[in-house]
PDB file of all heavy atoms in Angstrom:
ATOM      1  N   ASP A   1      33.897  22.728  -1.215  1.00  0.00           N
ATOM      2  CA  ASP A   1      33.067  23.886  -1.001  1.00  0.00           C
ATOM      3  C   ASP A   1      31.716  23.794  -1.628  1.00  0.00           C
ATOM      4  O   ASP A   1      30.665  24.259  -1.082  1.00  0.00           O
ATOM      5  CB  ASP A   1      33.748  25.126  -1.383  1.00  0.00           C
ATOM      6  CG  ASP A   1      35.093  25.419  -0.503  1.00  0.00           C
ATOM      7  OD1 ASP A   1      35.084  24.860   0.623  1.00  0.00           O
ATOM      8  OD2 ASP A   1      35.987  26.030  -1.021  1.00  0.00           O
ATOM      9  N   THR A   2      31.654  23.295  -2.812  1.00  0.00           N
ATOM     10  CA  THR A   2      30.458  23.284  -3.519  1.00  0.00           C
ATOM     11  C   THR A   2      30.178  21.745  -4.041  1.00  0.00           C
ATOM     12  O   THR A   2      30.345  21.468  -5.215  1.00  0.00           O
ATOM     13  CB  THR A   2      30.378  24.173  -4.800  1.00  0.00           C
ATOM     14  OG1 THR A   2      31.578  23.900  -5.579  1.00  0.00           O
ATOM     15  CG2 THR A   2      30.342  25.584  -4.328  1.00  0.00           C
ATOM     16  N   PRO A   3      29.831  20.867  -3.157  1.00  0.00           N
ATOM     17  CA  PRO A   3      29.651  19.441  -3.475  1.00  0.00           C
ATOM     18  C   PRO A   3      28.475  19.291  -4.319  1.00  0.00           C
ATOM     19  O   PRO A   3      27.422  19.893  -4.131  1.00  0.00           O
ATOM     20  CB  PRO A   3      29.685  18.736  -2.123  1.00  0.00           C
ATOM     21  CG  PRO A   3      29.048  19.779  -1.224  1.00  0.00           C
ATOM     22  CD  PRO A   3      29.610  21.113  -1.692  1.00  0.00           C
ATOM     23  N   ALA A   4      28.554  18.183  -5.169  1.00  0.00           N
ATOM     24  CA  ALA A   4      27.414  17.848  -6.078  1.00  0.00           C
ATOM     25  C   ALA A   4      26.561  16.923  -5.239  1.00  0.00           C
ATOM     26  O   ALA A   4      27.022  16.174  -4.387  1.00  0.00           O
ATOM     27  CB  ALA A   4      27.870  17.120  -7.331  1.00  0.00           C
ATOM     28  N   PRO A   5      25.211  16.972  -5.374  1.00  0.00           N
ATOM     29  CA  PRO A   5      24.247  16.116  -4.721  1.00  0.00           C
ATOM     30  C   PRO A   5      24.582  14.575  -5.076  1.00  0.00           C
ATOM     31  O   PRO A   5      24.744  14.317  -6.285  1.00  0.00           O
ATOM     32  CB  PRO A   5      22.847  16.450  -5.266  1.00  0.00           C
ATOM     33  CG  PRO A   5      23.019  17.948  -5.636  1.00  0.00           C
ATOM     34  CD  PRO A   5      24.441  18.008  -6.229  1.00  0.00           C
ATOM     35  N   VAL A   6      24.655  13.772  -4.052  1.00  0.00           N
ATOM     36  CA  VAL A   6      24.974  12.314  -4.375  1.00  0.00           C
ATOM     37  C   VAL A   6      23.876  11.506  -3.739  1.00  0.00           C
ATOM     38  O   VAL A   6      23.527  11.618  -2.604  1.00  0.00           O
ATOM     39  CB  VAL A   6      26.314  11.978  -3.591  1.00  0.00           C
ATOM     40  CG1 VAL A   6      26.546  10.519  -3.881  1.00  0.00           C
ATOM     41  CG2 VAL A   6      27.470  12.858  -4.180  1.00  0.00           C
ATOM     42  N   LEU A   7      23.338  10.611  -4.510  1.00  0.00           N
ATOM     43  CA  LEU A   7      22.285   9.711  -4.089  1.00  0.00           C
ATOM     44  C   LEU A   7      22.933   8.306  -3.813  1.00  0.00           C
ATOM     45  O   LEU A   7      23.442   7.565  -4.675  1.00  0.00           O
ATOM     46  CB  LEU A   7      21.250   9.574  -5.233  1.00  0.00           C
ATOM     47  CG  LEU A   7      20.107   8.524  -4.850  1.00  0.00           C
ATOM     48  CD1 LEU A   7      19.259   9.073  -3.775  1.00  0.00           C
ATOM     49  CD2 LEU A   7      19.237   8.314  -6.200  1.00  0.00           C
ATOM     50  N   LYS A   8      22.806   7.916  -2.498  1.00  0.00           N
ATOM     51  CA  LYS A   8      23.330   6.608  -2.171  1.00  0.00           C
ATOM     52  C   LYS A   8      22.210   5.512  -2.432  1.00  0.00           C
ATOM     53  O   LYS A   8      21.068   5.691  -2.197  1.00  0.00           O
ATOM     54  CB  LYS A   8      23.510   6.600  -0.663  1.00  0.00           C
ATOM     55  CG  LYS A   8      24.634   7.663  -0.236  1.00  0.00           C
ATOM     56  CD  LYS A   8      26.037   7.278  -0.797  1.00  0.00           C
ATOM     57  CE  LYS A   8      27.071   8.324  -0.225  1.00  0.00           C
ATOM     58  NZ  LYS A   8      28.449   7.929  -0.759  1.00  0.00           N
ATOM     59  N   LEU A   9      22.761   4.442  -3.074  1.00  0.00           N
ATOM     60  CA  LEU A   9      21.878   3.338  -3.514  1.00  0.00           C
ATOM     61  C   LEU A   9      21.997   2.164  -2.461  1.00  0.00           C
ATOM     62  O   LEU A   9      23.110   1.863  -2.094  1.00  0.00           O
ATOM     63  CB  LEU A   9      22.225   2.879  -4.807  1.00  0.00           C
ATOM     64  CG  LEU A   9      22.107   3.905  -5.955  1.00  0.00           C
ATOM     65  CD1 LEU A   9      22.442   3.217  -7.382  1.00  0.00           C
ATOM     66  CD2 LEU A   9      20.785   4.668  -6.019  1.00  0.00           C
ATOM     67  N   SER A  10      20.828   1.640  -2.064  1.00  0.00           N
ATOM     68  CA  SER A  10      20.774   0.468  -1.138  1.00  0.00           C
ATOM     69  C   SER A  10      20.838  -0.718  -1.959  1.00  0.00           C
ATOM     70  O   SER A  10      20.683  -0.844  -3.164  1.00  0.00           O
ATOM     71  CB  SER A  10      19.586   0.545  -0.305  1.00  0.00           C
ATOM     72  OG  SER A  10      18.362   0.505  -1.116  1.00  0.00           O
ATOM     73  N   ALA A  11      20.955  -1.870  -1.266  1.00  0.00           N
ATOM     74  CA  ALA A  11      20.991  -3.155  -1.888  1.00  0.00           C
ATOM     75  C   ALA A  11      19.774  -3.479  -2.621  1.00  0.00           C
ATOM     76  O   ALA A  11      18.659  -3.022  -2.179  1.00  0.00           O
ATOM     77  CB  ALA A  11      21.297  -4.331  -0.882  1.00  0.00           C
ATOM     78  N   ALA A  12      19.856  -4.214  -3.651  1.00  0.00           N
ATOM     79  CA  ALA A  12      18.628  -4.582  -4.491  1.00  0.00           C
ATOM     80  C   ALA A  12      17.624  -5.374  -3.653  1.00  0.00           C
ATOM     81  O   ALA A  12      18.079  -6.192  -2.847  1.00  0.00           O
ATOM     82  CB  ALA A  12      19.100  -5.461  -5.791  1.00  0.00           C
ATOM     83  N   GLU A  13      16.391  -5.126  -3.915  1.00  0.00           N
ATOM     84  CA  GLU A  13      15.372  -5.736  -3.177  1.00  0.00           C
ATOM     85  C   GLU A  13      14.758  -6.973  -4.005  1.00  0.00           C
ATOM     86  O   GLU A  13      14.836  -6.924  -5.231  1.00  0.00           O
ATOM     87  CB  GLU A  13      14.164  -4.783  -2.928  1.00  0.00           C
ATOM     88  CG  GLU A  13      14.532  -3.592  -1.992  1.00  0.00           C
ATOM     89  CD  GLU A  13      13.413  -2.713  -1.837  1.00  0.00           C
ATOM     90  OE1 GLU A  13      12.358  -2.870  -2.479  1.00  0.00           O
ATOM     91  OE2 GLU A  13      13.496  -1.790  -1.005  1.00  0.00           O
ATOM     92  N   GLU A  14      14.360  -7.977  -3.274  1.00  0.00           N
ATOM     93  CA  GLU A  14      13.811  -9.186  -4.042  1.00  0.00           C
ATOM     94  C   GLU A  14      12.485  -8.931  -4.726  1.00  0.00           C
ATOM     95  O   GLU A  14      11.756  -8.155  -4.145  1.00  0.00           O
ATOM     96  CB  GLU A  14      13.606 -10.374  -3.040  1.00  0.00           C
ATOM     97  CG  GLU A  14      14.849 -10.798  -2.485  1.00  0.00           C
ATOM     98  CD  GLU A  14      14.686 -12.038  -1.551  1.00  0.00           C
ATOM     99  OE1 GLU A  14      13.440 -12.509  -1.487  1.00  0.00           O
ATOM    100  OE2 GLU A  14      15.562 -12.626  -0.894  1.00  0.00           O
ATOM    101  N   ASP A  15      12.352  -9.441  -5.845  1.00  0.00           N
ATOM    102  CA  ASP A  15      11.116  -9.173  -6.689  1.00  0.00           C
ATOM    103  C   ASP A  15       9.982 -10.025  -6.102  1.00  0.00           C
ATOM    104  O   ASP A  15       9.923 -11.226  -6.268  1.00  0.00           O
ATOM    105  CB  ASP A  15      11.358  -9.541  -8.142  1.00  0.00           C
ATOM    106  CG  ASP A  15      10.108  -9.089  -8.942  1.00  0.00           C
ATOM    107  OD1 ASP A  15       9.254  -8.466  -8.514  1.00  0.00           O
ATOM    108  OD2 ASP A  15      10.338  -9.407 -10.214  1.00  0.00           O
ATOM    109  N   ALA A  16       9.062  -9.337  -5.487  1.00  0.00           N
ATOM    110  CA  ALA A  16       7.818 -10.063  -4.864  1.00  0.00           C
ATOM    111  C   ALA A  16       6.967 -10.639  -5.931  1.00  0.00           C
ATOM    112  O   ALA A  16       6.188 -11.517  -5.712  1.00  0.00           O
ATOM    113  CB  ALA A  16       7.192  -9.118  -3.944  1.00  0.00           C
ATOM    114  N   HIS A  17       7.025 -10.133  -7.199  1.00  0.00           N
ATOM    115  CA  HIS A  17       6.165 -10.608  -8.257  1.00  0.00           C
ATOM    116  C   HIS A  17       6.726 -11.917  -8.859  1.00  0.00           C
ATOM    117  O   HIS A  17       6.000 -12.440  -9.775  1.00  0.00           O
ATOM    118  CB  HIS A  17       6.037  -9.613  -9.314  1.00  0.00           C
ATOM    119  CG  HIS A  17       5.442  -8.268  -8.783  1.00  0.00           C
ATOM    120  ND1 HIS A  17       4.117  -8.160  -8.457  1.00  0.00           N
ATOM    121  CD2 HIS A  17       5.974  -7.075  -8.537  1.00  0.00           C
ATOM    122  CE1 HIS A  17       3.902  -6.967  -7.979  1.00  0.00           C
ATOM    123  NE2 HIS A  17       5.032  -6.286  -7.989  1.00  0.00           N
ATOM    124  N   GLY A  18       7.777 -12.454  -8.435  1.00  0.00           N
ATOM    125  CA  GLY A  18       8.451 -13.590  -9.098  1.00  0.00           C
ATOM    126  C   GLY A  18       7.806 -14.847  -8.699  1.00  0.00           C
ATOM    127  O   GLY A  18       8.104 -15.960  -9.306  1.00  0.00           O
ATOM    128  N   SER A  19       7.152 -14.890  -7.503  1.00  0.00           N
ATOM    129  CA  SER A  19       6.621 -16.191  -7.087  1.00  0.00           C
ATOM    130  C   SER A  19       5.369 -16.601  -7.900  1.00  0.00           C
ATOM    131  O   SER A  19       4.653 -15.780  -8.354  1.00  0.00           O
ATOM    132  CB  SER A  19       6.260 -16.019  -5.554  1.00  0.00           C
ATOM    133  OG  SER A  19       5.312 -14.982  -5.357  1.00  0.00           O
ATOM    134  N   SER A  20       5.092 -17.942  -7.910  1.00  0.00           N
ATOM    135  CA  SER A  20       4.057 -18.457  -8.705  1.00  0.00           C
ATOM    136  C   SER A  20       2.710 -18.353  -7.943  1.00  0.00           C
ATOM    137  O   SER A  20       2.624 -18.076  -6.719  1.00  0.00           O
ATOM    138  CB  SER A  20       4.135 -19.966  -9.038  1.00  0.00           C
ATOM    139  OG  SER A  20       4.157 -20.762  -7.810  1.00  0.00           O
ATOM    140  N   GLY A  21       1.659 -18.520  -8.521  1.00  0.00           N
ATOM    141  CA  GLY A  21       0.358 -18.353  -7.918  1.00  0.00           C
ATOM    142  C   GLY A  21       0.126 -19.402  -6.920  1.00  0.00           C
ATOM    143  O   GLY A  21      -0.492 -19.125  -5.878  1.00  0.00           O
ATOM    144  N   ALA A  22       0.550 -20.593  -7.148  1.00  0.00           N
ATOM    145  CA  ALA A  22       0.435 -21.728  -6.206  1.00  0.00           C
ATOM    146  C   ALA A  22       1.144 -21.465  -4.885  1.00  0.00           C
ATOM    147  O   ALA A  22       0.612 -21.617  -3.755  1.00  0.00           O
ATOM    148  CB  ALA A  22       0.796 -23.060  -6.826  1.00  0.00           C
ATOM    149  N   ASP A  23       2.430 -20.917  -5.102  1.00  0.00           N
ATOM    150  CA  ASP A  23       3.195 -20.605  -3.916  1.00  0.00           C
ATOM    151  C   ASP A  23       2.656 -19.472  -3.145  1.00  0.00           C
ATOM    152  O   ASP A  23       2.596 -19.571  -1.877  1.00  0.00           O
ATOM    153  CB  ASP A  23       4.577 -20.189  -4.392  1.00  0.00           C
ATOM    154  CG  ASP A  23       5.419 -21.382  -5.046  1.00  0.00           C
ATOM    155  OD1 ASP A  23       5.017 -22.512  -4.663  1.00  0.00           O
ATOM    156  OD2 ASP A  23       6.369 -21.093  -5.763  1.00  0.00           O
ATOM    157  N   ALA A  24       2.107 -18.516  -3.840  1.00  0.00           N
ATOM    158  CA  ALA A  24       1.518 -17.363  -3.146  1.00  0.00           C
ATOM    159  C   ALA A  24       0.247 -17.817  -2.387  1.00  0.00           C
ATOM    160  O   ALA A  24       0.003 -17.462  -1.267  1.00  0.00           O
ATOM    161  CB  ALA A  24       0.977 -16.262  -4.159  1.00  0.00           C
ATOM    162  N   SER A  25      -0.595 -18.850  -2.953  1.00  0.00           N
ATOM    163  CA  SER A  25      -1.740 -19.308  -2.248  1.00  0.00           C
ATOM    164  C   SER A  25      -1.348 -20.112  -0.973  1.00  0.00           C
ATOM    165  O   SER A  25      -1.955 -20.010   0.016  1.00  0.00           O
ATOM    166  CB  SER A  25      -2.512 -20.185  -3.239  1.00  0.00           C
ATOM    167  OG  SER A  25      -3.651 -20.763  -2.618  1.00  0.00           O
ATOM    168  N   ASP A  26      -0.301 -20.977  -1.227  1.00  0.00           N
ATOM    169  CA  ASP A  26       0.193 -21.707  -0.048  1.00  0.00           C
ATOM    170  C   ASP A  26       0.646 -20.835   1.047  1.00  0.00           C
ATOM    171  O   ASP A  26       0.349 -21.046   2.250  1.00  0.00           O
ATOM    172  CB  ASP A  26       1.291 -22.592  -0.472  1.00  0.00           C
ATOM    173  CG  ASP A  26       0.795 -23.715  -1.438  1.00  0.00           C
ATOM    174  OD1 ASP A  26      -0.418 -23.956  -1.373  1.00  0.00           O
ATOM    175  OD2 ASP A  26       1.582 -24.401  -2.136  1.00  0.00           O
ATOM    176  N   ASP A  27       1.356 -19.791   0.653  1.00  0.00           N
ATOM    177  CA  ASP A  27       1.867 -18.813   1.744  1.00  0.00           C
ATOM    178  C   ASP A  27       0.731 -18.188   2.424  1.00  0.00           C
ATOM    179  O   ASP A  27       0.768 -17.918   3.585  1.00  0.00           O
ATOM    180  CB  ASP A  27       2.759 -17.854   0.992  1.00  0.00           C
ATOM    181  CG  ASP A  27       4.100 -18.396   0.517  1.00  0.00           C
ATOM    182  OD1 ASP A  27       4.415 -19.498   0.965  1.00  0.00           O
ATOM    183  OD2 ASP A  27       4.740 -17.794  -0.331  1.00  0.00           O
ATOM    184  N   THR A  28      -0.300 -17.752   1.627  1.00  0.00           N
ATOM    185  CA  THR A  28      -1.516 -17.058   2.271  1.00  0.00           C
ATOM    186  C   THR A  28      -2.182 -18.020   3.190  1.00  0.00           C
ATOM    187  O   THR A  28      -2.622 -17.668   4.354  1.00  0.00           O
ATOM    188  CB  THR A  28      -2.492 -16.630   1.196  1.00  0.00           C
ATOM    189  OG1 THR A  28      -1.826 -15.855   0.257  1.00  0.00           O
ATOM    190  CG2 THR A  28      -3.659 -15.989   1.708  1.00  0.00           C
ATOM    191  N   GLU A  29      -2.423 -19.290   2.878  1.00  0.00           N
ATOM    192  CA  GLU A  29      -3.056 -20.273   3.695  1.00  0.00           C
ATOM    193  C   GLU A  29      -2.304 -20.438   4.986  1.00  0.00           C
ATOM    194  O   GLU A  29      -2.782 -20.485   6.070  1.00  0.00           O
ATOM    195  CB  GLU A  29      -3.323 -21.602   2.985  1.00  0.00           C
ATOM    196  CG  GLU A  29      -4.054 -22.602   3.746  1.00  0.00           C
ATOM    197  CD  GLU A  29      -4.350 -23.911   3.007  1.00  0.00           C
ATOM    198  OE1 GLU A  29      -3.999 -23.868   1.806  1.00  0.00           O
ATOM    199  OE2 GLU A  29      -4.830 -24.790   3.629  1.00  0.00           O
ATOM    200  N   ALA A  30      -0.903 -20.676   4.807  1.00  0.00           N
ATOM    201  CA  ALA A  30      -0.071 -20.898   5.986  1.00  0.00           C
ATOM    202  C   ALA A  30      -0.106 -19.723   6.941  1.00  0.00           C
ATOM    203  O   ALA A  30      -0.185 -19.862   8.139  1.00  0.00           O
ATOM    204  CB  ALA A  30       1.362 -21.148   5.532  1.00  0.00           C
ATOM    205  N   ALA A  31      -0.106 -18.470   6.310  1.00  0.00           N
ATOM    206  CA  ALA A  31      -0.169 -17.274   7.025  1.00  0.00           C
ATOM    207  C   ALA A  31      -1.468 -17.201   7.915  1.00  0.00           C
ATOM    208  O   ALA A  31      -1.506 -16.820   9.074  1.00  0.00           O
ATOM    209  CB  ALA A  31       0.026 -16.026   6.269  1.00  0.00           C
ATOM    210  N   ALA A  32      -2.608 -17.610   7.251  1.00  0.00           N
ATOM    211  CA  ALA A  32      -3.874 -17.596   7.886  1.00  0.00           C
ATOM    212  C   ALA A  32      -3.907 -18.620   9.072  1.00  0.00           C
ATOM    213  O   ALA A  32      -4.423 -18.287  10.183  1.00  0.00           O
ATOM    214  CB  ALA A  32      -4.950 -17.995   6.902  1.00  0.00           C
ATOM    215  N   GLN A  33      -3.251 -19.767   8.923  1.00  0.00           N
ATOM    216  CA  GLN A  33      -3.328 -20.805  10.000  1.00  0.00           C
ATOM    217  C   GLN A  33      -2.411 -20.319  11.165  1.00  0.00           C
ATOM    218  O   GLN A  33      -2.867 -20.478  12.207  1.00  0.00           O
ATOM    219  CB  GLN A  33      -2.783 -22.057   9.386  1.00  0.00           C
ATOM    220  CG  GLN A  33      -3.641 -22.808   8.429  1.00  0.00           C
ATOM    221  CD  GLN A  33      -3.031 -24.033   7.795  1.00  0.00           C
ATOM    222  OE1 GLN A  33      -1.930 -24.327   8.139  1.00  0.00           O
ATOM    223  NE2 GLN A  33      -3.802 -24.716   6.954  1.00  0.00           N
ATOM    224  N   ASN A  34      -1.316 -19.710  10.782  1.00  0.00           N
ATOM    225  CA  ASN A  34      -0.457 -19.158  11.829  1.00  0.00           C
ATOM    226  C   ASN A  34      -1.189 -18.031  12.639  1.00  0.00           C
ATOM    227  O   ASN A  34      -1.071 -17.969  13.923  1.00  0.00           O
ATOM    228  CB  ASN A  34       0.784 -18.633  11.231  1.00  0.00           C
ATOM    229  CG  ASN A  34       1.769 -19.835  10.657  1.00  0.00           C
ATOM    230  OD1 ASN A  34       1.577 -20.905  11.207  1.00  0.00           O
ATOM    231  ND2 ASN A  34       2.605 -19.528   9.750  1.00  0.00           N
ATOM    232  N   THR A  35      -1.845 -17.227  11.920  1.00  0.00           N
ATOM    233  CA  THR A  35      -2.576 -16.071  12.555  1.00  0.00           C
ATOM    234  C   THR A  35      -3.637 -16.654  13.512  1.00  0.00           C
ATOM    235  O   THR A  35      -3.789 -16.147  14.658  1.00  0.00           O
ATOM    236  CB  THR A  35      -3.207 -15.187  11.593  1.00  0.00           C
ATOM    237  OG1 THR A  35      -2.180 -14.691  10.618  1.00  0.00           O
ATOM    238  CG2 THR A  35      -3.943 -14.122  12.217  1.00  0.00           C
ATOM    239  N   ALA A  36      -4.409 -17.732  13.043  1.00  0.00           N
ATOM    240  CA  ALA A  36      -5.328 -18.373  13.983  1.00  0.00           C
ATOM    241  C   ALA A  36      -4.861 -18.932  15.130  1.00  0.00           C
ATOM    242  O   ALA A  36      -5.283 -18.772  16.270  1.00  0.00           O
ATOM    243  CB  ALA A  36      -6.162 -19.278  13.150  1.00  0.00           C
ATOM    244  N   ALA A  37      -3.689 -19.592  14.909  1.00  0.00           N
ATOM    245  CA  ALA A  37      -3.010 -20.249  16.087  1.00  0.00           C
ATOM    246  C   ALA A  37      -2.527 -19.248  17.103  1.00  0.00           C
ATOM    247  O   ALA A  37      -2.683 -19.404  18.273  1.00  0.00           O
ATOM    248  CB  ALA A  37      -1.783 -21.181  15.646  1.00  0.00           C
ATOM    249  N   ASP A  38      -1.885 -18.177  16.543  1.00  0.00           N
ATOM    250  CA  ASP A  38      -1.418 -17.086  17.425  1.00  0.00           C
ATOM    251  C   ASP A  38      -2.619 -16.385  18.238  1.00  0.00           C
ATOM    252  O   ASP A  38      -2.478 -16.135  19.423  1.00  0.00           O
ATOM    253  CB  ASP A  38      -0.765 -16.060  16.622  1.00  0.00           C
ATOM    254  CG  ASP A  38       0.597 -16.606  16.003  1.00  0.00           C
ATOM    255  OD1 ASP A  38       1.070 -17.553  16.580  1.00  0.00           O
ATOM    256  OD2 ASP A  38       1.121 -15.957  15.120  1.00  0.00           O
ATOM    257  N   THR A  39      -3.712 -16.319  17.521  1.00  0.00           N
ATOM    258  CA  THR A  39      -4.932 -15.628  18.226  1.00  0.00           C
ATOM    259  C   THR A  39      -5.363 -16.506  19.355  1.00  0.00           C
ATOM    260  O   THR A  39      -5.754 -16.115  20.419  1.00  0.00           O
ATOM    261  CB  THR A  39      -6.052 -15.370  17.106  1.00  0.00           C
ATOM    262  OG1 THR A  39      -5.557 -14.567  16.134  1.00  0.00           O
ATOM    263  CG2 THR A  39      -7.263 -14.814  17.794  1.00  0.00           C
ATOM    264  N   ALA A  40      -5.489 -17.770  19.040  1.00  0.00           N
ATOM    265  CA  ALA A  40      -6.011 -18.742  20.127  1.00  0.00           C
ATOM    266  C   ALA A  40      -4.999 -18.764  21.262  1.00  0.00           C
ATOM    267  O   ALA A  40      -5.447 -18.738  22.424  1.00  0.00           O
ATOM    268  CB  ALA A  40      -6.126 -20.122  19.510  1.00  0.00           C
ATOM    269  N   SER A  41      -3.704 -18.834  20.881  1.00  0.00           N
ATOM    270  CA  SER A  41      -2.676 -18.828  21.978  1.00  0.00           C
ATOM    271  C   SER A  41      -2.742 -17.535  22.856  1.00  0.00           C
ATOM    272  O   SER A  41      -2.794 -17.626  24.058  1.00  0.00           O
ATOM    273  CB  SER A  41      -1.301 -18.876  21.426  1.00  0.00           C
ATOM    274  OG  SER A  41      -0.270 -18.744  22.419  1.00  0.00           O
ATOM    275  N   ASP A  42      -2.975 -16.341  22.120  1.00  0.00           N
ATOM    276  CA  ASP A  42      -3.023 -15.142  22.916  1.00  0.00           C
ATOM    277  C   ASP A  42      -4.258 -15.101  23.711  1.00  0.00           C
ATOM    278  O   ASP A  42      -4.321 -14.570  24.846  1.00  0.00           O
ATOM    279  CB  ASP A  42      -3.074 -13.902  21.839  1.00  0.00           C
ATOM    280  CG  ASP A  42      -1.841 -13.730  21.152  1.00  0.00           C
ATOM    281  OD1 ASP A  42      -0.794 -14.285  21.661  1.00  0.00           O
ATOM    282  OD2 ASP A  42      -1.711 -13.207  20.142  1.00  0.00           O
ATOM    283  N   SER A  43      -5.473 -15.665  23.137  1.00  0.00           N
ATOM    284  CA  SER A  43      -6.666 -15.704  23.919  1.00  0.00           C
ATOM    285  C   SER A  43      -6.507 -16.523  25.215  1.00  0.00           C
ATOM    286  O   SER A  43      -6.922 -16.124  26.248  1.00  0.00           O
ATOM    287  CB  SER A  43      -7.830 -16.213  23.031  1.00  0.00           C
ATOM    288  OG  SER A  43      -8.936 -16.291  23.818  1.00  0.00           O
TER     289      SER A  43
END
């Protein structure tokens, strides 16, 4: 009749700050190249 509020917890999220600077740079460059390719293809 008088339930206590219950907060459901979701699965833990991956820590985005754990990647190194080099990896982040590589990922950014790869993303830029993919974006350019997709743009050309769409055009």
